[in-house]
Amino acid sequence: MEREDDFDIEEWSRQTRCVKCGNQLFPHNPKRAYVWAEHAYLKWNQTGLSPEHQRDTRSPNLMETLRNKNHPVVLYY
């Protein structure tokens, strides 16, 4: 069992950001999203590139697509 004083909120926050970006890239494949998140986390620690930057480099229009997906287009006839 993990002790409470071993819990690092900054590390947890970083991991959460990586998992969020992985799920945005691979919404239908959680295994692939998790593998990407692990690699993004390691790269972030080694190079300083944030997971959001890595996500945007891999898929430049993803955030625009996700934003447009949430706004339905209303057609009047």
N, C-alpha and C. Protein backbone atom coordinates (compact mmCIF):
# COMPACT_ATOMS: atom_id res chain seq x y z
N MET A 1 0.84 -1.18 0.00
CA MET A 1 0.00 0.00 0.00
C MET A 1 0.88 1.25 0.00
N GLU A 2 0.52 2.21 -0.80
CA GLU A 2 1.31 3.43 -0.94
C GLU A 2 1.02 4.39 0.22
N ARG A 3 2.06 4.96 0.74
CA ARG A 3 1.90 5.93 1.83
C ARG A 3 1.50 7.28 1.26
N GLU A 4 0.76 8.05 2.04
CA GLU A 4 0.28 9.35 1.58
C GLU A 4 1.40 10.33 1.30
N ASP A 5 2.48 10.26 2.06
CA ASP A 5 3.56 11.22 1.85
C ASP A 5 4.37 10.92 0.60
N ASP A 6 4.13 9.74 -0.03
CA ASP A 6 4.79 9.42 -1.29
C ASP A 6 4.03 10.01 -2.49
N PHE A 7 2.84 10.50 -2.26
CA PHE A 7 2.00 11.03 -3.33
C PHE A 7 2.50 12.41 -3.74
N ASP A 8 2.74 12.57 -5.03
CA ASP A 8 3.23 13.83 -5.57
C ASP A 8 2.17 14.40 -6.51
N ILE A 9 1.53 15.49 -6.11
CA ILE A 9 0.44 16.06 -6.89
C ILE A 9 0.92 16.57 -8.25
N GLU A 10 2.14 17.07 -8.33
CA GLU A 10 2.65 17.55 -9.63
C GLU A 10 2.83 16.40 -10.61
N GLU A 11 3.38 15.30 -10.13
CA GLU A 11 3.57 14.14 -11.01
C GLU A 11 2.22 13.58 -11.46
N TRP A 12 1.26 13.52 -10.54
CA TRP A 12 -0.07 13.03 -10.88
C TRP A 12 -0.72 13.95 -11.92
N SER A 13 -0.54 15.25 -11.76
CA SER A 13 -1.10 16.22 -12.70
C SER A 13 -0.48 16.04 -14.08
N ARG A 14 0.82 15.83 -14.13
CA ARG A 14 1.51 15.61 -15.42
C ARG A 14 0.99 14.34 -16.09
N GLN A 15 0.85 13.27 -15.32
CA GLN A 15 0.35 12.01 -15.87
C GLN A 15 -1.07 12.18 -16.39
N THR A 16 -1.89 12.91 -15.66
CA THR A 16 -3.27 13.14 -16.08
C THR A 16 -3.33 13.90 -17.40
N ARG A 17 -2.48 14.91 -17.56
CA ARG A 17 -2.43 15.67 -18.81
C ARG A 17 -2.05 14.76 -19.98
N CYS A 18 -1.09 13.86 -19.75
CA CYS A 18 -0.66 12.94 -20.80
C CYS A 18 -1.78 11.98 -21.19
N VAL A 19 -2.48 11.44 -20.20
CA VAL A 19 -3.58 10.51 -20.47
C VAL A 19 -4.71 11.23 -21.20
N LYS A 20 -5.00 12.47 -20.81
CA LYS A 20 -6.05 13.25 -21.48
C LYS A 20 -5.73 13.42 -22.97
N CYS A 21 -4.49 13.78 -23.27
CA CYS A 21 -4.09 13.98 -24.66
C CYS A 21 -4.11 12.65 -25.43
N GLY A 22 -3.69 11.57 -24.77
CA GLY A 22 -3.75 10.25 -25.40
C GLY A 22 -5.17 9.85 -25.75
N ASN A 23 -6.10 10.13 -24.84
CA ASN A 23 -7.51 9.81 -25.11
C ASN A 23 -8.09 10.69 -26.22
N GLN A 24 -7.60 11.90 -26.36
CA GLN A 24 -8.06 12.75 -27.45
C GLN A 24 -7.54 12.23 -28.79
N LEU A 25 -6.32 11.72 -28.81
CA LEU A 25 -5.76 11.19 -30.05
C LEU A 25 -6.36 9.85 -30.44
N PHE A 26 -6.61 9.00 -29.45
CA PHE A 26 -7.11 7.64 -29.71
C PHE A 26 -8.37 7.37 -28.89
N PRO A 27 -9.50 8.01 -29.23
CA PRO A 27 -10.70 7.86 -28.40
C PRO A 27 -11.31 6.46 -28.42
N HIS A 28 -11.02 5.66 -29.46
CA HIS A 28 -11.63 4.34 -29.57
C HIS A 28 -10.66 3.21 -29.27
N ASN A 29 -9.45 3.56 -28.82
CA ASN A 29 -8.45 2.54 -28.52
C ASN A 29 -7.72 2.91 -27.23
N PRO A 30 -8.27 2.54 -26.08
CA PRO A 30 -7.67 2.95 -24.81
C PRO A 30 -6.26 2.40 -24.59
N LYS A 31 -5.97 1.21 -25.12
CA LYS A 31 -4.64 0.65 -24.96
C LYS A 31 -3.61 1.51 -25.68
N ARG A 32 -3.92 1.89 -26.90
CA ARG A 32 -3.00 2.73 -27.67
C ARG A 32 -2.88 4.12 -27.04
N ALA A 33 -3.97 4.65 -26.52
CA ALA A 33 -3.95 5.95 -25.85
C ALA A 33 -3.03 5.91 -24.64
N TYR A 34 -3.10 4.81 -23.87
CA TYR A 34 -2.27 4.69 -22.68
C TYR A 34 -0.79 4.55 -23.05
N VAL A 35 -0.50 3.78 -24.09
CA VAL A 35 0.90 3.62 -24.53
C VAL A 35 1.44 4.97 -25.00
N TRP A 36 0.63 5.72 -25.76
CA TRP A 36 1.06 7.05 -26.21
C TRP A 36 1.30 7.96 -25.01
N ALA A 37 0.42 7.89 -24.01
CA ALA A 37 0.55 8.73 -22.82
C ALA A 37 1.85 8.42 -22.07
N GLU A 38 2.18 7.15 -21.97
CA GLU A 38 3.43 6.78 -21.30
C GLU A 38 4.64 7.37 -22.03
N HIS A 39 4.66 7.24 -23.36
CA HIS A 39 5.76 7.78 -24.13
C HIS A 39 5.80 9.30 -24.06
N ALA A 40 4.64 9.93 -24.08
CA ALA A 40 4.58 11.39 -23.97
C ALA A 40 5.11 11.86 -22.62
N TYR A 41 4.79 11.12 -21.58
CA TYR A 41 5.27 11.47 -20.24
C TYR A 41 6.79 11.38 -20.17
N LEU A 42 7.35 10.29 -20.71
CA LEU A 42 8.80 10.13 -20.71
C LEU A 42 9.48 11.23 -21.52
N LYS A 43 8.91 11.53 -22.69
CA LYS A 43 9.48 12.57 -23.54
C LYS A 43 9.39 13.94 -22.87
N TRP A 44 8.30 14.18 -22.16
CA TRP A 44 8.12 15.45 -21.45
C TRP A 44 9.19 15.61 -20.38
N ASN A 45 9.48 14.52 -19.66
CA ASN A 45 10.52 14.57 -18.62
C ASN A 45 11.91 14.73 -19.22
N GLN A 46 12.14 14.15 -20.39
CA GLN A 46 13.47 14.19 -21.00
C GLN A 46 13.73 15.48 -21.78
N THR A 47 12.73 15.95 -22.51
CA THR A 47 12.94 17.09 -23.42
C THR A 47 12.21 18.36 -23.01
N GLY A 48 11.19 18.22 -22.18
CA GLY A 48 10.42 19.39 -21.77
C GLY A 48 9.26 19.71 -22.69
N LEU A 49 9.03 18.89 -23.74
CA LEU A 49 7.90 19.12 -24.64
C LEU A 49 6.61 18.65 -23.96
N SER A 50 5.66 19.56 -23.80
CA SER A 50 4.41 19.22 -23.11
C SER A 50 3.61 18.21 -23.94
N PRO A 51 2.72 17.45 -23.30
CA PRO A 51 1.91 16.50 -24.05
C PRO A 51 0.99 17.19 -25.05
N GLU A 52 0.53 18.40 -24.72
CA GLU A 52 -0.31 19.13 -25.66
C GLU A 52 0.46 19.48 -26.92
N HIS A 53 1.72 19.88 -26.76
CA HIS A 53 2.56 20.19 -27.93
C HIS A 53 2.81 18.92 -28.75
N GLN A 54 3.07 17.82 -28.08
CA GLN A 54 3.28 16.55 -28.78
C GLN A 54 2.02 16.11 -29.52
N ARG A 55 0.84 16.30 -28.88
CA ARG A 55 -0.43 15.97 -29.51
C ARG A 55 -0.66 16.82 -30.74
N ASP A 56 -0.42 18.14 -30.62
CA ASP A 56 -0.64 19.05 -31.74
C ASP A 56 0.34 18.81 -32.88
N THR A 57 1.54 18.36 -32.57
CA THR A 57 2.51 18.02 -33.61
C THR A 57 2.06 16.78 -34.35
N ARG A 58 1.54 15.80 -33.63
CA ARG A 58 1.10 14.55 -34.25
C ARG A 58 -0.17 14.75 -35.07
N SER A 59 -1.08 15.57 -34.56
CA SER A 59 -2.37 15.79 -35.22
C SER A 59 -2.73 17.27 -35.15
N PRO A 60 -2.25 18.07 -36.11
CA PRO A 60 -2.38 19.53 -36.03
C PRO A 60 -3.80 20.07 -35.94
N ASN A 61 -4.77 19.44 -36.57
CA ASN A 61 -6.13 19.98 -36.61
C ASN A 61 -7.07 19.30 -35.61
N LEU A 62 -6.54 18.50 -34.72
CA LEU A 62 -7.38 17.74 -33.81
C LEU A 62 -8.23 18.63 -32.91
N MET A 63 -7.64 19.63 -32.30
CA MET A 63 -8.40 20.47 -31.38
C MET A 63 -9.49 21.24 -32.09
N GLU A 64 -9.23 21.70 -33.29
CA GLU A 64 -10.27 22.39 -34.07
C GLU A 64 -11.41 21.43 -34.39
N THR A 65 -11.07 20.21 -34.75
CA THR A 65 -12.08 19.20 -35.05
C THR A 65 -12.92 18.90 -33.81
N LEU A 66 -12.26 18.76 -32.66
CA LEU A 66 -13.00 18.48 -31.43
C LEU A 66 -13.90 19.65 -31.04
N ARG A 67 -13.43 20.87 -31.24
CA ARG A 67 -14.24 22.05 -30.93
C ARG A 67 -15.47 22.10 -31.83
N ASN A 68 -15.30 21.84 -33.12
CA ASN A 68 -16.42 21.88 -34.06
C ASN A 68 -17.39 20.73 -33.83
N LYS A 69 -16.89 19.62 -33.33
CA LYS A 69 -17.74 18.47 -33.07
C LYS A 69 -18.73 18.77 -31.96
N ASN A 70 -18.36 19.62 -31.02
CA ASN A 70 -19.23 19.94 -29.90
C ASN A 70 -20.28 21.00 -30.24
N HIS A 71 -20.16 21.64 -31.38
CA HIS A 71 -21.11 22.68 -31.77
C HIS A 71 -21.93 22.17 -32.96
N PRO A 72 -23.15 21.72 -32.70
CA PRO A 72 -23.97 21.21 -33.80
C PRO A 72 -24.37 22.33 -34.74
N VAL A 73 -24.49 21.98 -35.99
CA VAL A 73 -24.92 22.92 -37.01
C VAL A 73 -26.44 22.78 -37.14
N VAL A 74 -27.15 23.88 -36.98
CA VAL A 74 -28.60 23.87 -37.08
C VAL A 74 -28.99 24.31 -38.48
N LEU A 75 -29.72 23.47 -39.13
CA LEU A 75 -30.19 23.77 -40.49
C LEU A 75 -31.68 24.07 -40.45
N TYR A 76 -32.07 25.17 -41.03
CA TYR A 76 -33.47 25.55 -41.11
C TYR A 76 -33.96 25.36 -42.53
N TYR A 77 -35.10 24.71 -42.66
CA TYR A 77 -35.69 24.50 -43.98
C TYR A 77 -36.95 25.27 -44.14
